[in-house]
């Protein structure tokens, strides 16, 4: 006697599982490129020596990467702590009053459009399979794909910041001081355009919009810091 094959849903390529690492990576790379380029442009505009410009850029890279890592770790750790506290509370409620939790889950499904009878059946089956998982997903909005991962976010931010900062530093190393400002401007804007386009592509947004908004803010940041350097005109 033949048995029916198990139901296998059609696989679809969604991008929600990219959010955690994509946000940290894009933020780190953009910040690395913009902050480092802005720093060296500002120092160069103040008529600093090549050595001073390079030291400023390297110091900015090191400080920025560590700041990004620390900031991401603290921020995502706070999110993780909150999720853990919510799950602990939900675990206790399931232990103390399972029936009330089942009704609560069924009410959520009714609010989403299911009939009362079907909602109660779905709630019962899901709780028999994984009660905490069902409540975490449908009551608290916590899923494995969206869960906070502090260490992953910290490393992604630091690494991407370093990668982003590499281009303006390479320009400083390869170009004479006289061409440092236009060289960093041009190279960084090209880098930001690529970063914005890649982030938009991975995230499913329009590529030109992602590239344009990142490039605009990068150009503005470098222009402002260059203005500061020219304004003070301090030779170091």
C-alpha atoms as a PDB file:
ATOM      1  CA  UNK A   1       0.000   0.000   0.000  1.00  0.00           C
ATOM      2  CA  UNK A   2       1.448   3.335  -1.062  1.00  0.00           C
ATOM      3  CA  UNK A   3       1.574   6.189   1.375  1.00  0.00           C
ATOM      4  CA  UNK A   4       1.280   9.816   0.449  1.00  0.00           C
ATOM      5  CA  UNK A   5       4.576  11.730   0.581  1.00  0.00           C
ATOM      6  CA  UNK A   6       4.883  14.257   3.395  1.00  0.00           C
ATOM      7  CA  UNK A   7       3.837  17.770   2.582  1.00  0.00           C
ATOM      8  CA  UNK A   8       6.794  19.834   1.469  1.00  0.00           C
ATOM      9  CA  UNK A   9       6.193  23.561   1.084  1.00  0.00           C
ATOM     10  CA  UNK A  10       7.594  25.300  -1.972  1.00  0.00           C
ATOM     11  CA  UNK A  11      10.826  27.026  -1.098  1.00  0.00           C
ATOM     12  CA  UNK A  12      10.814  30.764  -1.594  1.00  0.00           C
ATOM     13  CA  UNK A  13      13.770  33.094  -1.389  1.00  0.00           C
ATOM     14  CA  UNK A  14      12.949  35.696   1.225  1.00  0.00           C
ATOM     15  CA  UNK A  15      15.446  38.156   2.626  1.00  0.00           C
ATOM     16  CA  UNK A  16      14.282  38.494   6.216  1.00  0.00           C
ATOM     17  CA  UNK A  17      16.985  36.156   7.507  1.00  0.00           C
ATOM     18  CA  UNK A  18      19.619  38.594   6.221  1.00  0.00           C
ATOM     19  CA  UNK A  19      18.489  41.437   8.489  1.00  0.00           C
ATOM     20  CA  UNK A  20      20.664  40.684  11.521  1.00  0.00           C
ATOM     21  CA  UNK A  21      24.063  40.460   9.875  1.00  0.00           C
ATOM     22  CA  UNK A  22      23.215  42.729   6.940  1.00  0.00           C
ATOM     23  CA  UNK A  23      22.347  45.691   9.131  1.00  0.00           C
ATOM     24  CA  UNK A  24      25.547  45.369  11.168  1.00  0.00           C
ATOM     25  CA  UNK A  25      27.750  44.766   8.119  1.00  0.00           C
ATOM     26  CA  UNK A  26      26.336  47.621   6.042  1.00  0.00           C
ATOM     27  CA  UNK A  27      26.425  50.042   8.966  1.00  0.00           C
ATOM     28  CA  UNK A  28      30.015  49.072   9.770  1.00  0.00           C
ATOM     29  CA  UNK A  29      31.296  49.359   6.200  1.00  0.00           C
ATOM     30  CA  UNK A  30      29.568  52.665   5.555  1.00  0.00           C
ATOM     31  CA  UNK A  31      30.763  54.093   8.846  1.00  0.00           C
ATOM     32  CA  UNK A  32      34.297  52.855   8.203  1.00  0.00           C
ATOM     33  CA  UNK A  33      34.443  54.478   4.795  1.00  0.00           C
ATOM     34  CA  UNK A  34      32.716  57.742   5.721  1.00  0.00           C
ATOM     35  CA  UNK A  35      34.313  58.375   9.116  1.00  0.00           C
ATOM     36  CA  UNK A  36      37.851  57.453   8.051  1.00  0.00           C
ATOM     37  CA  UNK A  37      37.642  59.359   4.784  1.00  0.00           C
ATOM     38  CA  UNK A  38      36.147  62.370   6.536  1.00  0.00           C
ATOM     39  CA  UNK A  39      38.868  62.281   9.180  1.00  0.00           C
ATOM     40  CA  UNK A  40      41.768  62.157   6.750  1.00  0.00           C
ATOM     41  CA  UNK A  41      40.169  64.778   4.493  1.00  0.00           C
ATOM     42  CA  UNK A  42      39.703  67.097   7.445  1.00  0.00           C
ATOM     43  CA  UNK A  43      43.278  66.630   8.612  1.00  0.00           C
ATOM     44  CA  UNK A  44      44.618  67.032   5.065  1.00  0.00           C
ATOM     45  CA  UNK A  45      42.591  70.228   4.598  1.00  0.00           C
ATOM     46  CA  UNK A  46      44.350  71.629   7.661  1.00  0.00           C
ATOM     47  CA  UNK A  47      47.660  71.328   5.756  1.00  0.00           C
ATOM     48  CA  UNK A  48      48.948  68.422   7.848  1.00  0.00           C
ATOM     49  CA  UNK A  49      51.917  66.318   6.792  1.00  0.00           C
ATOM     50  CA  UNK A  50      51.516  62.959   5.074  1.00  0.00           C
ATOM     51  CA  UNK A  51      52.635  61.170   8.236  1.00  0.00           C
ATOM     52  CA  UNK A  52      50.061  63.006  10.370  1.00  0.00           C
ATOM     53  CA  UNK A  53      47.291  62.217   7.901  1.00  0.00           C
ATOM     54  CA  UNK A  54      48.201  58.536   7.849  1.00  0.00           C
ATOM     55  CA  UNK A  55      48.440  58.285  11.641  1.00  0.00           C
ATOM     56  CA  UNK A  56      45.078  60.019  11.986  1.00  0.00           C
ATOM     57  CA  UNK A  57      43.527  57.563   9.532  1.00  0.00           C
ATOM     58  CA  UNK A  58      44.979  54.491  11.238  1.00  0.00           C
ATOM     59  CA  UNK A  59      43.938  55.756  14.659  1.00  0.00           C
ATOM     60  CA  UNK A  60      40.467  56.441  13.327  1.00  0.00           C
ATOM     61  CA  UNK A  61      40.258  52.925  11.904  1.00  0.00           C
ATOM     62  CA  UNK A  62      41.307  51.282  15.172  1.00  0.00           C
ATOM     63  CA  UNK A  63      39.077  53.457  17.347  1.00  0.00           C
ATOM     64  CA  UNK A  64      36.116  53.185  15.000  1.00  0.00           C
ATOM     65  CA  UNK A  65      36.301  49.412  14.651  1.00  0.00           C
ATOM     66  CA  UNK A  66      36.428  48.929  18.415  1.00  0.00           C
ATOM     67  CA  UNK A  67      33.646  51.452  18.975  1.00  0.00           C
ATOM     68  CA  UNK A  68      31.449  49.711  16.414  1.00  0.00           C
ATOM     69  CA  UNK A  69      32.102  46.314  17.957  1.00  0.00           C
ATOM     70  CA  UNK A  70      31.428  47.547  21.487  1.00  0.00           C
ATOM     71  CA  UNK A  71      28.341  49.476  20.445  1.00  0.00           C
ATOM     72  CA  UNK A  72      26.846  46.573  18.540  1.00  0.00           C
ATOM     73  CA  UNK A  73      27.632  44.106  21.311  1.00  0.00           C
ATOM     74  CA  UNK A  74      26.031  46.267  24.009  1.00  0.00           C
ATOM     75  CA  UNK A  75      23.017  47.121  21.864  1.00  0.00           C
ATOM     76  CA  UNK A  76      22.318  43.593  20.669  1.00  0.00           C
ATOM     77  CA  UNK A  77      23.055  42.172  24.130  1.00  0.00           C
ATOM     78  CA  UNK A  78      20.330  44.410  25.531  1.00  0.00           C
ATOM     79  CA  UNK A  79      17.957  43.054  22.913  1.00  0.00           C
ATOM     80  CA  UNK A  80      19.038  39.501  23.723  1.00  0.00           C
ATOM     81  CA  UNK A  81      18.515  40.107  27.457  1.00  0.00           C
ATOM     82  CA  UNK A  82      15.019  41.393  26.793  1.00  0.00           C
ATOM     83  CA  UNK A  83      14.187  38.402  24.631  1.00  0.00           C
ATOM     84  CA  UNK A  84      15.546  36.048  27.281  1.00  0.00           C
ATOM     85  CA  UNK A  85      13.470  37.698  30.006  1.00  0.00           C
ATOM     86  CA  UNK A  86      10.330  37.486  27.876  1.00  0.00           C
ATOM     87  CA  UNK A  87      10.947  33.817  27.134  1.00  0.00           C
ATOM     88  CA  UNK A  88      11.570  33.058  30.816  1.00  0.00           C
ATOM     89  CA  UNK A  89       8.289  34.732  31.731  1.00  0.00           C
ATOM     90  CA  UNK A  90       6.468  32.870  28.990  1.00  0.00           C
ATOM     91  CA  UNK A  91       7.996  29.575  30.128  1.00  0.00           C
ATOM     92  CA  UNK A  92       6.731  30.203  33.673  1.00  0.00           C
ATOM     93  CA  UNK A  93       3.250  31.093  32.454  1.00  0.00           C
ATOM     94  CA  UNK A  94       3.107  27.903  30.409  1.00  0.00           C
ATOM     95  CA  UNK A  95       4.086  25.903  33.456  1.00  0.00           C
ATOM     96  CA  UNK A  96       1.593  27.633  35.769  1.00  0.00           C
ATOM     97  CA  UNK A  97      -1.484  27.802  33.534  1.00  0.00           C
ATOM     98  CA  UNK A  98      -1.226  25.916  30.267  1.00  0.00           C
ATOM     99  CA  UNK A  99      -4.903  26.205  29.449  1.00  0.00           C
ATOM    100  CA  UNK A 100      -4.963  29.994  29.708  1.00  0.00           C
ATOM    101  CA  UNK A 101      -1.918  30.174  27.460  1.00  0.00           C
ATOM    102  CA  UNK A 102      -3.647  27.976  24.899  1.00  0.00           C
ATOM    103  CA  UNK A 103      -6.665  30.297  24.911  1.00  0.00           C
ATOM    104  CA  UNK A 104      -4.367  33.286  24.601  1.00  0.00           C
ATOM    105  CA  UNK A 105      -2.682  31.780  21.549  1.00  0.00           C
ATOM    106  CA  UNK A 106      -6.047  30.886  20.019  1.00  0.00           C
ATOM    107  CA  UNK A 107      -7.208  34.490  20.507  1.00  0.00           C
ATOM    108  CA  UNK A 108      -4.195  35.686  18.547  1.00  0.00           C
ATOM    109  CA  UNK A 109      -5.168  33.470  15.624  1.00  0.00           C
ATOM    110  CA  UNK A 110      -8.786  34.623  15.817  1.00  0.00           C
ATOM    111  CA  UNK A 111      -7.569  38.221  15.604  1.00  0.00           C
ATOM    112  CA  UNK A 112      -5.632  37.251  12.477  1.00  0.00           C
ATOM    113  CA  UNK A 113      -8.759  35.942  10.757  1.00  0.00           C
ATOM    114  CA  UNK A 114      -9.269  32.307  11.765  1.00  0.00           C
ATOM    115  CA  UNK A 115     -12.578  31.032  13.067  1.00  0.00           C
ATOM    116  CA  UNK A 116     -12.724  30.294  16.781  1.00  0.00           C
ATOM    117  CA  UNK A 117     -12.921  26.526  16.212  1.00  0.00           C
ATOM    118  CA  UNK A 118      -9.992  26.483  13.792  1.00  0.00           C
ATOM    119  CA  UNK A 119      -7.934  28.840  15.959  1.00  0.00           C
ATOM    120  CA  UNK A 120      -8.393  26.566  18.989  1.00  0.00           C
ATOM    121  CA  UNK A 121      -7.404  23.545  16.915  1.00  0.00           C
ATOM    122  CA  UNK A 122      -4.297  25.258  15.546  1.00  0.00           C
ATOM    123  CA  UNK A 123      -3.290  26.510  18.990  1.00  0.00           C
ATOM    124  CA  UNK A 124      -3.679  23.059  20.502  1.00  0.00           C
ATOM    125  CA  UNK A 125      -1.635  21.350  17.789  1.00  0.00           C
ATOM    126  CA  UNK A 126       1.151  23.930  17.833  1.00  0.00           C
ATOM    127  CA  UNK A 127       1.402  23.811  21.616  1.00  0.00           C
ATOM    128  CA  UNK A 128       1.524  20.024  21.563  1.00  0.00           C
ATOM    129  CA  UNK A 129       4.444  20.290  19.165  1.00  0.00           C
ATOM    130  CA  UNK A 130       6.337  23.215  20.785  1.00  0.00           C
ATOM    131  CA  UNK A 131       4.391  25.387  23.209  1.00  0.00           C
ATOM    132  CA  UNK A 132       7.177  27.829  23.990  1.00  0.00           C
ATOM    133  CA  UNK A 133       8.164  28.155  20.328  1.00  0.00           C
ATOM    134  CA  UNK A 134       4.584  28.878  19.304  1.00  0.00           C
ATOM    135  CA  UNK A 135       4.177  31.619  21.909  1.00  0.00           C
ATOM    136  CA  UNK A 136       7.634  33.058  21.213  1.00  0.00           C
ATOM    137  CA  UNK A 137       6.836  33.348  17.507  1.00  0.00           C
ATOM    138  CA  UNK A 138       3.180  34.396  17.517  1.00  0.00           C
ATOM    139  CA  UNK A 139       2.848  36.255  20.824  1.00  0.00           C
ATOM    140  CA  UNK A 140       6.301  37.771  21.332  1.00  0.00           C
ATOM    141  CA  UNK A 141       7.497  37.981  17.723  1.00  0.00           C
ATOM    142  CA  UNK A 142      10.755  36.139  18.478  1.00  0.00           C
ATOM    143  CA  UNK A 143      12.034  33.723  15.834  1.00  0.00           C
ATOM    144  CA  UNK A 144      15.350  31.981  15.325  1.00  0.00           C
ATOM    145  CA  UNK A 145      16.063  34.017  12.188  1.00  0.00           C
ATOM    146  CA  UNK A 146      15.379  37.325  13.938  1.00  0.00           C
ATOM    147  CA  UNK A 147      16.909  36.492  17.314  1.00  0.00           C
ATOM    148  CA  UNK A 148      19.679  38.711  18.651  1.00  0.00           C
ATOM    149  CA  UNK A 149      23.273  37.438  18.348  1.00  0.00           C
ATOM    150  CA  UNK A 150      25.582  39.942  20.101  1.00  0.00           C
ATOM    151  CA  UNK A 151      28.953  38.357  19.293  1.00  0.00           C
ATOM    152  CA  UNK A 152      28.066  37.876  15.638  1.00  0.00           C
ATOM    153  CA  UNK A 153      26.907  41.475  15.342  1.00  0.00           C
ATOM    154  CA  UNK A 154      30.031  42.802  17.074  1.00  0.00           C
ATOM    155  CA  UNK A 155      32.450  40.895  14.824  1.00  0.00           C
ATOM    156  CA  UNK A 156      30.475  41.781  11.701  1.00  0.00           C
ATOM    157  CA  UNK A 157      30.528  45.473  12.590  1.00  0.00           C
ATOM    158  CA  UNK A 158      34.240  45.585  13.430  1.00  0.00           C
ATOM    159  CA  UNK A 159      35.265  43.594  10.359  1.00  0.00           C
ATOM    160  CA  UNK A 160      33.079  45.566   7.979  1.00  0.00           C
ATOM    161  CA  UNK A 161      34.248  48.876   9.469  1.00  0.00           C
ATOM    162  CA  UNK A 162      37.852  47.822   8.811  1.00  0.00           C
ATOM    163  CA  UNK A 163      37.033  46.841   5.246  1.00  0.00           C
ATOM    164  CA  UNK A 164      35.241  50.124   4.643  1.00  0.00           C
ATOM    165  CA  UNK A 165      38.133  52.163   6.071  1.00  0.00           C
ATOM    166  CA  UNK A 166      40.733  50.393   3.942  1.00  0.00           C
ATOM    167  CA  UNK A 167      40.006  52.292   0.701  1.00  0.00           C
ATOM    168  CA  UNK A 168      40.637  55.848   1.968  1.00  0.00           C
ATOM    169  CA  UNK A 169      43.753  54.676   3.798  1.00  0.00           C
ATOM    170  CA  UNK A 170      45.099  53.038   0.648  1.00  0.00           C
ATOM    171  CA  UNK A 171      44.576  56.280  -1.227  1.00  0.00           C
ATOM    172  CA  UNK A 172      46.580  58.149   1.418  1.00  0.00           C
ATOM    173  CA  UNK A 173      49.382  55.606   1.087  1.00  0.00           C
ATOM    174  CA  UNK A 174      49.470  55.714  -2.722  1.00  0.00           C
ATOM    175  CA  UNK A 175      48.742  59.366  -3.522  1.00  0.00           C
ATOM    176  CA  UNK A 176      50.929  62.423  -2.830  1.00  0.00           C
ATOM    177  CA  UNK A 177      49.633  64.778  -0.138  1.00  0.00           C
ATOM    178  CA  UNK A 178      48.647  67.327  -2.779  1.00  0.00           C
ATOM    179  CA  UNK A 179      46.165  64.854  -4.276  1.00  0.00           C
ATOM    180  CA  UNK A 180      45.001  63.318  -1.004  1.00  0.00           C
ATOM    181  CA  UNK A 181      41.718  65.212  -0.714  1.00  0.00           C
ATOM    182  CA  UNK A 182      40.392  64.708  -4.273  1.00  0.00           C
ATOM    183  CA  UNK A 183      41.731  61.140  -4.299  1.00  0.00           C
ATOM    184  CA  UNK A 184      40.000  60.197  -1.049  1.00  0.00           C
ATOM    185  CA  UNK A 185      36.815  61.940  -2.157  1.00  0.00           C
ATOM    186  CA  UNK A 186      36.657  60.077  -5.465  1.00  0.00           C
ATOM    187  CA  UNK A 187      37.674  56.656  -4.129  1.00  0.00           C
ATOM    188  CA  UNK A 188      35.356  56.817  -1.126  1.00  0.00           C
ATOM    189  CA  UNK A 189      32.367  57.930  -3.179  1.00  0.00           C
ATOM    190  CA  UNK A 190      32.966  55.013  -5.548  1.00  0.00           C
ATOM    191  CA  UNK A 191      33.224  52.652  -2.578  1.00  0.00           C
ATOM    192  CA  UNK A 192      30.018  53.998  -1.032  1.00  0.00           C
ATOM    193  CA  UNK A 193      28.187  53.655  -4.324  1.00  0.00           C
ATOM    194  CA  UNK A 194      29.161  49.985  -4.509  1.00  0.00           C
ATOM    195  CA  UNK A 195      28.291  49.368  -0.853  1.00  0.00           C
ATOM    196  CA  UNK A 196      24.904  51.007  -1.215  1.00  0.00           C
ATOM    197  CA  UNK A 197      24.142  49.049  -4.380  1.00  0.00           C
ATOM    198  CA  UNK A 198      25.166  45.725  -2.823  1.00  0.00           C
ATOM    199  CA  UNK A 199      23.152  46.365   0.336  1.00  0.00           C
ATOM    200  CA  UNK A 200      20.096  47.291  -1.729  1.00  0.00           C
ATOM    201  CA  UNK A 201      20.501  44.208  -3.897  1.00  0.00           C
ATOM    202  CA  UNK A 202      20.777  41.842  -0.940  1.00  0.00           C
ATOM    203  CA  UNK A 203      17.911  43.551   0.846  1.00  0.00           C
ATOM    204  CA  UNK A 204      15.653  43.507  -2.209  1.00  0.00           C
ATOM    205  CA  UNK A 205      15.455  47.305  -2.608  1.00  0.00           C
ATOM    206  CA  UNK A 206      16.102  49.425  -5.696  1.00  0.00           C
ATOM    207  CA  UNK A 207      19.813  49.492  -6.368  1.00  0.00           C
ATOM    208  CA  UNK A 208      20.059  53.110  -7.495  1.00  0.00           C
ATOM    209  CA  UNK A 209      18.205  54.376  -4.426  1.00  0.00           C
ATOM    210  CA  UNK A 210      20.503  52.467  -2.073  1.00  0.00           C
ATOM    211  CA  UNK A 211      23.587  53.714  -3.878  1.00  0.00           C
ATOM    212  CA  UNK A 212      22.380  57.325  -4.067  1.00  0.00           C
ATOM    213  CA  UNK A 213      21.460  57.784  -0.412  1.00  0.00           C
ATOM    214  CA  UNK A 214      24.741  56.347   0.885  1.00  0.00           C
ATOM    215  CA  UNK A 215      26.821  58.369  -1.571  1.00  0.00           C
ATOM    216  CA  UNK A 216      24.991  61.593  -0.741  1.00  0.00           C
ATOM    217  CA  UNK A 217      25.566  61.342   3.002  1.00  0.00           C
ATOM    218  CA  UNK A 218      29.180  60.304   2.491  1.00  0.00           C
ATOM    219  CA  UNK A 219      29.852  63.306   0.276  1.00  0.00           C
ATOM    220  CA  UNK A 220      28.172  65.611   2.780  1.00  0.00           C
ATOM    221  CA  UNK A 221      30.220  64.237   5.693  1.00  0.00           C
ATOM    222  CA  UNK A 222      33.520  64.655   3.839  1.00  0.00           C
ATOM    223  CA  UNK A 223      32.582  68.154   2.714  1.00  0.00           C
ATOM    224  CA  UNK A 224      31.759  69.215   6.266  1.00  0.00           C
ATOM    225  CA  UNK A 225      35.003  67.880   7.745  1.00  0.00           C
ATOM    226  CA  UNK A 226      37.021  69.371   4.911  1.00  0.00           C
ATOM    227  CA  UNK A 227      35.396  72.684   5.720  1.00  0.00           C
ATOM    228  CA  UNK A 228      36.368  72.291   9.372  1.00  0.00           C
ATOM    229  CA  UNK A 229      39.981  71.610   8.368  1.00  0.00           C
ATOM    230  CA  UNK A 230      40.104  74.637   6.091  1.00  0.00           C
ATOM    231  CA  UNK A 231      38.417  76.805   8.723  1.00  0.00           C
ATOM    232  CA  UNK A 232      40.979  76.073  11.417  1.00  0.00           C
ATOM    233  CA  UNK A 233      43.895  75.676   8.992  1.00  0.00           C
ATOM    234  CA  UNK A 234      46.094  74.112  11.677  1.00  0.00           C
ATOM    235  CA  UNK A 235      49.401  72.605  10.555  1.00  0.00           C
ATOM    236  CA  UNK A 236      50.351  69.629  12.733  1.00  0.00           C
END
